[in-house]
Protein backbone atom coordinates (compact mmCIF):
# COMPACT_ATOMS: atom_id res chain seq x y z
CA UNK A 1 0.00 0.00 -0.02
CA UNK A 2 2.93 2.45 0.43
CA UNK A 3 3.85 2.38 -3.29
CA UNK A 4 2.70 5.09 -5.62
CA UNK A 5 1.15 2.42 -7.85
CA UNK A 6 -1.63 2.20 -5.26
CA UNK A 7 -2.62 5.87 -5.81
CA UNK A 8 -6.12 6.72 -6.93
CA UNK A 9 -7.01 5.81 -10.49
CA UNK A 10 -9.94 8.19 -11.20
CA UNK A 11 -9.44 11.68 -12.73
CA UNK A 12 -7.74 14.06 -10.31
CA UNK A 13 -7.94 17.88 -10.29
CA UNK A 14 -4.79 19.77 -9.19
CA UNK A 15 -5.26 22.59 -6.70
CA UNK A 16 -1.98 24.53 -6.57
CA UNK A 17 -1.96 26.80 -3.57
CA UNK A 18 -4.82 24.91 -1.95
CA UNK A 19 -4.81 23.93 1.73
CA UNK A 20 -6.28 21.06 3.59
CA UNK A 21 -6.43 20.65 7.41
CA UNK A 22 -5.58 17.16 8.57
CA UNK A 23 -5.83 15.38 11.91
CA UNK A 24 -5.40 11.78 12.96
CA UNK A 25 -8.66 10.02 13.66
CA UNK A 26 -9.15 9.80 17.43
CA UNK A 27 -7.30 13.06 18.16
CA UNK A 28 -9.32 15.66 20.05
CA UNK A 29 -10.80 18.11 17.57
CA UNK A 30 -9.58 21.14 19.50
CA UNK A 31 -6.04 21.90 18.31
CA UNK A 32 -5.84 18.59 16.48
CA UNK A 33 -5.87 19.86 12.91
CA UNK A 34 -2.63 20.75 11.04
CA UNK A 35 -2.58 22.64 7.75
CA UNK A 36 -0.94 20.97 4.77
CA UNK A 37 -0.64 21.79 1.08
CA UNK A 38 -3.41 20.24 -1.04
CA UNK A 39 -1.99 18.59 -4.17
CA UNK A 40 -5.07 17.33 -5.94
CA UNK A 41 -8.67 16.26 -5.43
CA UNK A 42 -11.01 13.69 -6.92
CA UNK A 43 -14.58 12.56 -6.19
CA UNK A 44 -13.10 9.68 -4.07
CA UNK A 45 -9.99 11.03 -2.46
CA UNK A 46 -7.25 13.70 -2.14
CA UNK A 47 -3.50 13.99 -2.03
CA UNK A 48 -1.47 16.38 0.13
CA UNK A 49 2.12 16.95 1.09
CA UNK A 50 3.60 17.33 4.61
CA UNK A 51 6.97 17.88 6.19
CA UNK A 52 6.73 14.74 8.28
CA UNK A 53 6.30 11.01 7.80
CA UNK A 54 4.21 10.33 10.82
CA UNK A 55 1.15 8.95 8.94
CA UNK A 56 1.20 5.35 7.71
CA UNK A 57 -0.84 3.53 5.03
CA UNK A 58 -4.14 2.48 6.49
CA UNK A 59 -4.11 5.27 9.10
CA UNK A 60 -7.44 7.10 9.32
CA UNK A 61 -7.62 10.84 9.30
CA UNK A 62 -10.13 13.65 9.53
CA UNK A 63 -9.92 16.53 7.05
CA UNK A 64 -11.40 19.95 6.31
CA UNK A 65 -10.87 21.86 3.06
CA UNK A 66 -12.22 24.87 1.16
CA UNK A 67 -12.90 25.20 -2.55
CA UNK A 68 -13.67 28.81 -3.43
CA UNK A 69 -16.59 29.77 -1.23
CA UNK A 70 -17.50 26.10 -0.46
CA UNK A 71 -16.27 23.99 2.43
CA UNK A 72 -16.07 20.22 2.89
CA UNK A 73 -15.06 17.93 5.73
CA UNK A 74 -14.97 14.24 6.39
CA UNK A 75 -12.83 11.20 7.15
CA UNK A 76 -10.39 9.30 4.92
CA UNK A 77 -7.83 6.48 4.98
CA UNK A 78 -4.23 6.86 3.88
CA UNK A 79 -3.56 4.71 0.81
CA UNK A 80 0.09 5.54 0.22
CA UNK A 81 3.00 7.52 1.39
CA UNK A 82 5.89 8.67 -0.90
CA UNK A 83 9.06 10.58 -0.29
CA UNK A 84 9.27 13.69 -2.49
CA UNK A 85 12.77 14.74 -1.45
CA UNK A 86 13.83 17.65 0.70
CA UNK A 87 12.06 16.26 3.77
CA UNK A 88 8.65 16.43 2.00
CA UNK A 89 6.24 13.47 1.98
CA UNK A 90 3.28 12.98 -0.26
CA UNK A 91 0.16 11.17 0.96
CA UNK A 92 -2.76 9.84 -1.10
CA UNK A 93 -6.05 9.16 0.68
CA UNK A 94 -9.43 7.56 -0.01
CA UNK A 95 -12.59 9.12 1.37
CA UNK A 96 -14.57 7.17 3.96
CA UNK A 97 -17.16 9.90 4.35
CA UNK A 98 -17.40 13.52 3.19
CA UNK A 99 -19.95 16.28 3.40
CA UNK A 100 -21.04 17.69 1.03
CA UNK A 101 -20.44 15.43 -1.97
CA UNK A 102 -17.05 16.29 -3.47
CA UNK A 103 -18.19 15.62 -7.07
CA UNK A 104 -20.94 18.20 -6.75
CA UNK A 105 -18.43 20.60 -5.18
CA UNK A 106 -16.01 20.13 -8.06
CA UNK A 107 -18.79 20.77 -10.61
CA UNK A 108 -20.08 23.88 -8.93
CA UNK A 109 -16.81 25.56 -7.89
CA UNK A 110 -16.21 28.54 -10.15
CA UNK A 111 -12.72 29.18 -11.43
CA UNK A 112 -11.33 32.13 -13.30
CA UNK A 113 -8.99 31.90 -16.34
CA UNK A 114 -5.90 32.52 -14.16
CA UNK A 115 -6.82 29.57 -11.95
CA UNK A 116 -7.34 27.40 -15.03
CA UNK A 117 -3.86 28.21 -16.36
CA UNK A 118 -2.35 27.53 -12.94
CA UNK A 119 -4.09 24.17 -12.69
CA UNK A 120 -3.04 23.26 -16.26
CA UNK A 121 0.63 24.03 -15.40
CA UNK A 122 0.38 22.05 -12.14
CA UNK A 123 -1.07 19.05 -14.01
CA UNK A 124 1.74 19.16 -16.54
CA UNK A 125 4.35 19.32 -13.78
CA UNK A 126 2.70 16.43 -11.96
CA UNK A 127 2.86 14.32 -15.07
CA UNK A 128 6.58 14.95 -15.40
CA UNK A 129 7.28 14.26 -11.71
CA UNK A 130 5.26 11.07 -11.84
CA UNK A 131 7.78 9.66 -14.29
CA UNK A 132 10.70 10.06 -11.85
CA UNK A 133 12.21 6.91 -10.42
CA UNK A 134 13.10 8.16 -6.95
CA UNK A 135 12.76 11.02 -4.52
CA UNK A 136 16.20 12.52 -5.31
CA UNK A 137 15.28 12.88 -8.95
CA UNK A 138 11.86 14.43 -8.12
CA UNK A 139 13.58 16.97 -5.87
CA UNK A 140 16.05 17.81 -8.65
CA UNK A 141 13.26 18.28 -11.22
CA UNK A 142 11.37 20.50 -8.75
CA UNK A 143 14.43 22.78 -8.52
CA UNK A 144 14.72 22.64 -12.27
CA UNK A 145 11.10 23.83 -12.62
CA UNK A 146 11.78 26.65 -10.14
CA UNK A 147 14.82 27.76 -12.23
CA UNK A 148 12.73 27.83 -15.38
CA UNK A 149 9.96 29.79 -13.68
CA UNK A 150 12.44 32.32 -12.43
CA UNK A 151 14.13 32.78 -15.78
CA UNK A 152 10.82 33.03 -17.65
CA UNK A 153 9.54 35.62 -15.16
CA UNK A 154 12.81 37.70 -15.51
CA UNK A 155 12.67 37.64 -19.30
CA UNK A 156 8.92 38.40 -19.37
CA UNK A 157 9.32 41.41 -17.04
CA UNK A 158 12.19 42.79 -19.11
CA UNK A 159 10.07 42.64 -22.21
CA UNK A 160 7.18 44.36 -20.46
CA UNK A 161 9.57 47.18 -19.67
CA UNK A 162 10.64 47.60 -23.22
CA UNK A 163 13.86 45.56 -23.20
CA UNK A 164 14.64 42.88 -25.78
CA UNK A 165 17.30 40.65 -24.22
CA UNK A 166 19.52 39.08 -26.93
CA UNK A 167 18.97 35.59 -25.71
CA UNK A 168 16.55 32.70 -25.96
CA UNK A 169 15.93 30.01 -23.39
CA UNK A 170 15.00 26.38 -24.17
CA UNK A 171 13.87 24.06 -21.34
CA UNK A 172 15.15 20.51 -21.57
CA UNK A 173 14.78 17.66 -19.02
CA UNK A 174 18.45 17.97 -18.03
CA UNK A 175 18.38 21.76 -17.68
CA UNK A 176 18.10 25.12 -19.43
CA UNK A 177 19.90 25.84 -22.73
CA UNK A 178 20.46 29.57 -23.16
CA UNK A 179 21.31 30.86 -26.60
CA UNK A 180 23.10 34.21 -26.56
CA UNK A 181 23.61 36.37 -29.66
CA UNK A 182 27.31 36.49 -30.54
CA UNK A 183 28.40 34.00 -27.89
CA UNK A 184 28.44 30.27 -27.21
CA UNK A 185 25.29 28.80 -25.70
CA UNK A 186 25.18 28.24 -21.91
CA UNK A 187 23.70 25.23 -20.11
CA UNK A 188 22.47 25.50 -16.51
CA UNK A 189 20.99 22.60 -14.58
CA UNK A 190 19.79 21.75 -11.07
CA UNK A 191 22.22 19.55 -9.12
CA UNK A 192 21.22 16.05 -7.96
CA UNK A 193 21.46 15.21 -4.35
CA UNK A 194 22.29 18.72 -3.10
CA UNK A 195 21.05 22.29 -3.45
CA UNK A 196 22.19 24.66 -6.11
CA UNK A 197 22.73 24.75 -9.89
CA UNK A 198 25.66 23.99 -12.15
CA UNK A 199 26.68 25.80 -15.29
CA UNK A 200 29.30 25.18 -17.96
CA UNK A 201 32.90 25.24 -16.91
CA UNK A 202 32.29 23.99 -13.34
CA UNK A 203 30.38 27.20 -12.53
CA UNK A 204 28.25 26.78 -9.39
CA UNK A 205 25.17 28.84 -8.40
CA UNK A 206 23.85 28.55 -4.85
CA UNK A 207 20.34 29.83 -5.76
CA UNK A 208 18.18 30.93 -8.65
CA UNK A 209 19.00 34.55 -7.72
CA UNK A 210 22.65 33.90 -8.51
CA UNK A 211 21.62 32.48 -11.84
CA UNK A 212 19.57 35.58 -12.59
CA UNK A 213 22.53 37.82 -11.66
CA UNK A 214 24.77 35.80 -14.02
CA UNK A 215 22.27 36.21 -16.81
CA UNK A 216 22.07 39.96 -16.11
CA UNK A 217 25.84 40.28 -16.61
CA UNK A 218 25.53 38.46 -19.96
CA UNK A 219 22.80 40.75 -21.25
CA UNK A 220 23.76 44.12 -19.73
CA UNK A 221 22.44 47.37 -21.10
CA UNK A 222 22.69 46.04 -24.63
CA UNK A 223 19.38 44.32 -24.03
CA UNK A 224 17.39 47.54 -24.31
CA UNK A 225 15.39 47.87 -27.54
C-alpha cells in the first residue's frame, strides 16, 4: 500500500496553492488539525504533502478543506506515502465519508482563467514528476522547474519594460539551454542530491538569484530595444 502504484485511479484535479487541514482520527478536535498543502482532489480522495512522515498507510484521518466559497469535511484512509525529497512526503487518501459530496463541489466551484492556467501548469508538472524513479530525482526536477519559472519571469518582465534581451531559453529535461547572440550557448541545470545549480565550466550557483545575476551580466544594457 505504500507504493505510488496504489494511488487513486480516477481523474484528479490539481489545486496549486490549496490547503487542507488534517488530523489523525481519534485526536481531540480542539487543536488537533494541522494545515498541509493540497496537491489534488477527486470525487473519491485527495492527495497532500507534509513535512513529516508520521502517517502510515491504513491510518485514518479527519480533514477539512475549502474550494472557493465552499467547504467540505470528512474522514479518509491513507492509501500510500511517498518521499518527494527535501524532507517532504506526499500522501494519497481515499474518502470514507465527506460532506457535502465532493463531485458536486468540483462541478459547482467557479474558477477564473488565471486559476485554469495555474491548474493546467500544475497538471503538466505532476505528469513529469510522476515519471521520476526516486525522491532525489523528483527533488532535482522541482528545482529545475523553479529555475525555469524564475528565468521566464525575469525575461517576461524585461520585455514588459521595453527591453529585448538578446537571448533565448529552451527548457530540456536535463536543464536550461540559453542561446546568446554572438556567444556560445550556456547550459544550466539543477544539481542532484544537493542544493544549487551547475553551469558550464564547473560554474556553481547557490540559488536561482545567483543564476539571474549571472544572466544579467551576460545581457547588460545592450538588451534595451
